[in-house]
Structure formats: structure tokens, C-alpha cells
């Protein structure tokens, strides 16, 4: 989640398909929405699987119940959730969440069309980190030096 000071951070500019957009830092509500999107993806995959495999009604109940239980334990920043967010679908959702405040005409689907190569994903990730004031090498904490008393 973005640090409290990022809520007032200035947006960064990001270019997609030759168009420049402003992207703001994520706030608490954005994080909750990303978590809900992620959980819905898991449940949707389970439902699609039931349809595609011709599962019986009893099997459907078990599969959906397991998906709901699994989804409840996911967040976008932990383990499996983070891996799912690192996909093109996930990055589209993250980016859309960051730019929609300034560009309400944009959709996650429109953004996804521009994210079809690894170089663009790397660029998006670096801009996301900039907007949310994240760093792979955070500054070290200052360590107070103890004054030694001289022995007399």
C-alpha cells in the first residue's frame, strides 16, 4: 500500500501508445478495489472452468466454494495475488486505477491493448513505483552514533 505521504504526492506522466497520461499514487480505496478485482478474477476463473468442463451441480458447488475460500485469502501484494497482478491483465488494472482519476474516458481494456510487450511492462512498473514513491533500494535509516565516555 502507498505510504501515507504518497496520498498527497504529485502524479507522474506516463506514455502509452504515443499518448501521455497522468498517473496518481494509489490510495486506500484503490488498494481495496484492486483486491476485490483480484478476488473476482479467481471466482470468475472457477465459474468458467465449471462451464467448460461440464461439471455437475454438486461439483460446481464444491469448485465455487473452494474458489471463494481461496479468493478471500488473496491480496494484490502477497504471494499468489502478486503473481496474478504481474500479468498483463493485472498491470492493466493497476495502471487504470492510477490514471482514471485524471482520464475517466480510459478503460482497463484500452490500456491492456498497449501492454503487449515486456519493455512496456517494465516501463509501466517503473512509473508505478515513481508515482507511489516506491524504491527497490530504500534509503538506509540513520543510525545514531553513541558517544563514548572517556575514562579518566
Foldseek 3Di string as FASTA:
>chain_A
DFDPVQVPPFWDWDDFPRDIFTFAADDPVLQVVLLVVLLVVQLVVLVVVCVVVVPDPVVSVVSNVVSNVVSVPDGCPDDPNVVVLLDLLNLLSVRCSGGCVPVVVDDSVVRSVRPDDPVSSVRSVVSNCVNRVHDPDDDDDDDDDDDDDDDD
